[in-house]
């Protein structure tokens, strides 16, 4: 198994030292390396990257601040000259925190953690149901999970909105929530369940799917942030 990776570090000496270690690692494929956060952001949006090696000490904003601003995040290993910030790294769901200068042994340990997390994630995704049946207009209809945008409460019914149509189903929100995999769907409000993969933007009070804005409950903010920060395909 090979993880596509990106190095982000404005210190050229440390960046090229890490590049050499990655080139010699059998489970890593270096996609790019950069000293620029804007270049890194562009690479993350355009390329299939599984793992980022991100320096905490970056100009303008630090690595933690940069990472918190991203909507979609692969796995991250923070690297730093300061061992005192290690505990903070795990607030950002980091795989590991490495101290410069990097050793081959510590890199191997961190990569092993990333590989195990990748395996768990993809086994979970592989075993998920691909569709559910809902009863609408007296007929049971197959609805593919990846087509569902969101589900909203509608009195004694729920409305399932998909890419192409919508279905009004006699069901409670709790009942349909239990049928949807929690790794892909989240109840963000008493009246709304969203497909996490469909969310384009979000802030402290709402999420946006295409051009529709849905309310986000205050007590769901941290849970949503955590869910969207988790490793993804």
Protein backbone atom coordinates (compact mmCIF):
# COMPACT_ATOMS: atom_id res chain seq x y z
CA UNK A 1 0.00 0.00 0.00
CA UNK A 2 1.25 3.47 -0.90
CA UNK A 3 0.11 6.83 0.43
CA UNK A 4 0.36 9.91 -1.78
CA UNK A 5 1.94 12.66 0.26
CA UNK A 6 2.71 16.37 0.26
CA UNK A 7 5.48 18.22 2.14
CA UNK A 8 4.81 21.79 3.31
CA UNK A 9 7.79 23.47 4.96
CA UNK A 10 9.39 26.86 4.34
CA UNK A 11 12.77 25.64 5.63
CA UNK A 12 14.50 24.26 2.53
CA UNK A 13 17.08 22.26 4.53
CA UNK A 14 14.45 20.39 6.51
CA UNK A 15 12.16 20.06 3.49
CA UNK A 16 14.80 18.34 1.37
CA UNK A 17 15.89 16.13 4.27
CA UNK A 18 12.30 14.91 4.59
CA UNK A 19 12.06 14.53 0.82
CA UNK A 20 15.01 12.14 0.91
CA UNK A 21 13.44 10.07 3.69
CA UNK A 22 10.15 9.86 1.79
CA UNK A 23 11.88 8.86 -1.45
CA UNK A 24 13.42 5.92 0.41
CA UNK A 25 10.18 4.82 2.07
CA UNK A 26 8.36 1.93 0.34
CA UNK A 27 4.88 3.10 1.42
CA UNK A 28 5.12 6.76 0.44
CA UNK A 29 4.76 8.44 -2.93
CA UNK A 30 5.73 12.11 -2.96
CA UNK A 31 3.27 14.12 -5.05
CA UNK A 32 4.76 17.55 -4.36
CA UNK A 33 6.74 19.65 -1.90
CA UNK A 34 6.45 23.38 -1.31
CA UNK A 35 7.36 26.27 0.96
CA UNK A 36 4.06 28.03 0.21
CA UNK A 37 0.72 27.53 1.98
CA UNK A 38 -1.18 28.84 -1.04
CA UNK A 39 0.53 26.29 -3.28
CA UNK A 40 -0.23 23.60 -0.71
CA UNK A 41 -3.91 24.56 -0.61
CA UNK A 42 -4.10 24.39 -4.40
CA UNK A 43 -2.39 21.00 -4.45
CA UNK A 44 -4.83 19.62 -1.88
CA UNK A 45 -7.82 20.76 -3.94
CA UNK A 46 -6.51 19.43 -7.26
CA UNK A 47 -4.60 16.26 -6.45
CA UNK A 48 -5.27 12.99 -4.68
CA UNK A 49 -3.24 13.38 -1.49
CA UNK A 50 -3.55 10.96 1.43
CA UNK A 51 -1.01 12.40 3.85
CA UNK A 52 0.47 15.85 4.48
CA UNK A 53 3.73 16.57 6.31
CA UNK A 54 3.08 20.11 7.54
CA UNK A 55 5.53 22.37 9.36
CA UNK A 56 4.05 24.25 12.30
CA UNK A 57 6.46 27.16 11.85
CA UNK A 58 5.24 28.80 8.64
CA UNK A 59 5.24 32.54 7.77
CA UNK A 60 2.09 34.71 8.03
CA UNK A 61 0.01 31.96 9.67
CA UNK A 62 1.30 28.82 11.35
CA UNK A 63 0.59 25.25 10.30
CA UNK A 64 -2.18 24.78 12.87
CA UNK A 65 -4.03 27.88 11.69
CA UNK A 66 -3.68 26.86 8.05
CA UNK A 67 -5.00 23.37 8.76
CA UNK A 68 -8.01 24.66 10.68
CA UNK A 69 -9.05 26.78 7.68
CA UNK A 70 -9.27 23.83 5.28
CA UNK A 71 -12.71 22.38 4.60
CA UNK A 72 -11.53 18.96 3.49
CA UNK A 73 -8.48 17.41 5.08
CA UNK A 74 -6.45 14.24 4.44
CA UNK A 75 -4.30 12.80 7.22
CA UNK A 76 -1.67 15.15 8.61
CA UNK A 77 1.65 14.74 10.41
CA UNK A 78 2.83 18.01 11.93
CA UNK A 79 6.57 18.66 12.03
CA UNK A 80 8.23 21.25 14.25
CA UNK A 81 11.41 22.35 15.99
CA UNK A 82 9.37 22.90 19.16
CA UNK A 83 8.39 19.82 21.16
CA UNK A 84 6.10 21.87 23.44
CA UNK A 85 3.29 22.08 20.87
CA UNK A 86 2.88 18.32 20.52
CA UNK A 87 -0.33 18.12 22.58
CA UNK A 88 -1.91 20.86 20.49
CA UNK A 89 -1.33 18.87 17.30
CA UNK A 90 -3.77 16.20 18.37
CA UNK A 91 -6.52 18.79 18.74
CA UNK A 92 -6.36 18.83 14.94
CA UNK A 93 -6.68 15.03 14.64
CA UNK A 94 -3.01 14.71 13.66
CA UNK A 95 -1.60 11.25 13.00
CA UNK A 96 1.63 12.23 14.74
CA UNK A 97 3.93 15.11 15.70
CA UNK A 98 7.57 14.90 14.63
CA UNK A 99 10.47 16.95 15.96
CA UNK A 100 13.09 18.33 13.58
CA UNK A 101 15.57 17.12 12.57
CA UNK A 102 13.63 14.00 11.59
CA UNK A 103 14.98 10.52 12.08
CA UNK A 104 14.16 7.59 9.82
CA UNK A 105 12.92 5.57 12.80
CA UNK A 106 10.40 8.21 13.95
CA UNK A 107 9.21 8.75 10.40
CA UNK A 108 8.60 5.02 10.01
CA UNK A 109 6.57 4.98 13.23
CA UNK A 110 4.43 7.91 12.10
CA UNK A 111 3.85 6.43 8.65
CA UNK A 112 2.80 3.11 10.22
CA UNK A 113 0.10 5.00 12.14
CA UNK A 114 -1.08 6.69 8.95
CA UNK A 115 -1.21 3.36 7.10
CA UNK A 116 -3.26 1.73 9.85
CA UNK A 117 -5.71 4.67 9.91
CA UNK A 118 -6.00 4.51 6.11
CA UNK A 119 -6.76 0.77 6.21
CA UNK A 120 -9.43 1.19 8.90
CA UNK A 121 -11.07 4.04 6.99
CA UNK A 122 -11.21 2.21 3.67
CA UNK A 123 -12.37 -1.07 5.19
CA UNK A 124 -15.19 0.87 6.87
CA UNK A 125 -16.14 2.59 3.63
CA UNK A 126 -15.98 -0.68 1.69
CA UNK A 127 -18.37 -2.40 4.11
CA UNK A 128 -20.95 0.39 4.15
CA UNK A 129 -24.34 -0.21 2.53
CA UNK A 130 -24.55 1.45 -0.86
CA UNK A 131 -28.29 2.15 -0.80
CA UNK A 132 -31.48 1.98 1.24
CA UNK A 133 -35.12 1.41 0.28
CA UNK A 134 -37.68 4.04 1.18
CA UNK A 135 -41.45 3.78 0.80
CA UNK A 136 -42.87 6.73 -1.11
CA UNK A 137 -46.21 6.91 -2.93
CA UNK A 138 -46.99 3.33 -1.89
CA UNK A 139 -43.85 1.98 -3.58
CA UNK A 140 -40.49 0.96 -2.15
CA UNK A 141 -37.74 2.80 -3.99
CA UNK A 142 -34.03 2.19 -4.02
CA UNK A 143 -32.08 5.32 -3.05
CA UNK A 144 -28.29 5.30 -3.37
CA UNK A 145 -26.58 6.86 -0.37
CA UNK A 146 -24.15 8.86 -2.47
CA UNK A 147 -27.11 10.51 -4.21
CA UNK A 148 -28.71 11.78 -0.99
CA UNK A 149 -28.00 15.45 -0.26
CA UNK A 150 -29.96 15.79 2.96
CA UNK A 151 -33.05 14.63 4.85
CA UNK A 152 -35.45 17.08 6.46
CA UNK A 153 -38.33 16.67 8.90
CA UNK A 154 -41.81 17.19 7.46
CA UNK A 155 -44.36 16.72 10.23
CA UNK A 156 -45.09 12.98 10.47
CA UNK A 157 -42.95 12.43 7.38
CA UNK A 158 -39.40 13.08 6.26
CA UNK A 159 -38.29 14.42 2.91
CA UNK A 160 -35.27 12.77 1.31
CA UNK A 161 -33.59 15.11 -1.16
CA UNK A 162 -31.32 13.54 -3.77
CA UNK A 163 -29.36 14.82 -6.75
CA UNK A 164 -32.25 14.21 -9.13
CA UNK A 165 -35.46 14.19 -7.10
CA UNK A 166 -36.98 14.03 -3.61
CA UNK A 167 -39.10 11.48 -1.77
CA UNK A 168 -41.66 12.06 0.97
CA UNK A 169 -41.46 9.11 3.36
CA UNK A 170 -43.60 8.17 6.36
CA UNK A 171 -40.86 7.96 8.99
CA UNK A 172 -39.40 9.69 12.01
CA UNK A 173 -36.05 11.43 11.79
CA UNK A 174 -34.67 9.03 14.39
CA UNK A 175 -35.74 6.00 12.38
CA UNK A 176 -34.16 7.10 9.13
CA UNK A 177 -31.05 8.36 10.93
CA UNK A 178 -30.50 4.85 12.27
CA UNK A 179 -30.58 3.49 8.71
CA UNK A 180 -27.89 5.86 7.43
CA UNK A 181 -24.18 5.18 8.13
CA UNK A 182 -22.86 7.64 10.70
CA UNK A 183 -19.53 7.86 8.87
CA UNK A 184 -21.31 9.55 5.95
CA UNK A 185 -24.41 11.18 7.45
CA UNK A 186 -24.86 13.46 10.44
CA UNK A 187 -27.86 15.02 12.13
CA UNK A 188 -26.84 18.67 12.26
CA UNK A 189 -30.18 19.98 13.57
CA UNK A 190 -33.36 18.47 15.00
CA UNK A 191 -34.92 18.83 11.54
CA UNK A 192 -31.96 18.03 9.25
CA UNK A 193 -29.61 15.17 8.46
CA UNK A 194 -26.88 15.93 5.92
CA UNK A 195 -24.62 13.88 3.72
CA UNK A 196 -21.18 15.01 4.92
CA UNK A 197 -19.72 14.47 1.46
CA UNK A 198 -22.17 16.98 -0.03
CA UNK A 199 -21.30 19.92 2.23
CA UNK A 200 -19.63 22.70 0.25
CA UNK A 201 -19.25 25.30 3.02
CA UNK A 202 -20.10 25.74 6.67
CA UNK A 203 -19.77 28.19 9.54
CA UNK A 204 -20.87 28.30 13.16
CA UNK A 205 -24.59 28.41 12.41
CA UNK A 206 -25.20 26.82 9.01
CA UNK A 207 -24.01 24.47 6.29
CA UNK A 208 -24.33 24.97 2.57
CA UNK A 209 -25.04 22.26 0.01
CA UNK A 210 -24.87 23.68 -3.49
CA UNK A 211 -27.03 26.82 -3.14
CA UNK A 212 -29.14 25.66 -0.19
CA UNK A 213 -28.35 26.80 3.35
CA UNK A 214 -29.33 24.50 6.22
CA UNK A 215 -29.28 25.38 9.94
CA UNK A 216 -26.57 23.99 12.20
CA UNK A 217 -27.38 23.50 15.89
CA UNK A 218 -24.93 25.06 18.31
CA UNK A 219 -24.32 21.77 20.09
CA UNK A 220 -23.41 20.11 16.78
CA UNK A 221 -20.67 22.54 15.72
CA UNK A 222 -17.73 20.67 17.26
CA UNK A 223 -19.04 17.31 16.11
CA UNK A 224 -19.37 18.57 12.54
CA UNK A 225 -15.88 20.09 12.62
CA UNK A 226 -14.46 16.79 13.82
CA UNK A 227 -16.39 14.78 11.19
CA UNK A 228 -15.25 16.99 8.32
CA UNK A 229 -11.67 16.96 9.56
CA UNK A 230 -11.48 13.17 9.54
CA UNK A 231 -9.48 11.39 6.83
CA UNK A 232 -11.43 11.01 3.62
CA UNK A 233 -11.29 9.37 0.25
